Amino acid sequence: MSYQPTVVLVDDHDLVRAGVRAELGTGVHVVGEADSVVSAVDEICDRNPDVVLLDVHLPDGTGADVITAVLARGIDTAFLALSVSDAAEDVIAVIRAGARGYVTKAITGEELVASIIRVAEGDAVFSPRLAGFVLDAFSGSIAEPADPELDLLSPREQEVMRLLARGYAYKEIARRLTISIKTVETHASNVLRKLQLSSRHELSRWAAQRRIV
């Protein structure tokens, strides 16, 4: 049997969740649902899914609020935003909070399953029309280190760190920075060692807490 990541669905509309669940079919294993920030945080922390499929607007807050609260509890999960909105501010807000991707509800069920699996495996996924301005939004020069731990990293290591924290795969980082995958692996190892972190998920939380991604 092919890989079936566990998923929690977060959307405030019952019909939308039912429709998404039907579209996903047997491609993933839906283990929970939630319709608000508060219920989503509790459900995610209880279920600890591989991926959270997350709407960006909820009655009591935003998708970014969910991500921030879950990461603060140390839960090791990945977030994929699913929304009717393709507004830049919505996309950037959840990506800054720690989401690994953003797709619109125009996506097909087959494409959504594939996107969930990619995110579960560590890739970043964006609907084609969103990818350009997402990359533009995060392609500025690196800010001055905000704390002593960042001082430990070279400029190139900081570039790699930010891309790792945003969920990019090694091959994507290599392509963006025009370096080899082996060089990316070396930089990634150095970043984790210098920051005394044990995984990419820990790095994502570390960066999100400092608001440097």
Foldseek 3Di string as FASTA:
>chain_A
DDDAWEEEEEAQDPVVVVVLPVLLPRLHHYDYYYQALVRLLVVCVVVLTQEYAAEQDGPVHGPLSNLQSNLVVVRQHAYEYEEQDLDPVSQLSNLLSQHQEYEYPVDGSVVVSVQSVCVSVQARDYDVVNVVVNCVVPVDQADDDPDPLCVLADSVLVLLLVCLLSRHDLVVSCVVVVHDSVVSVVSVVVSCVSNVHDDSSVSNSVCSVVSRD
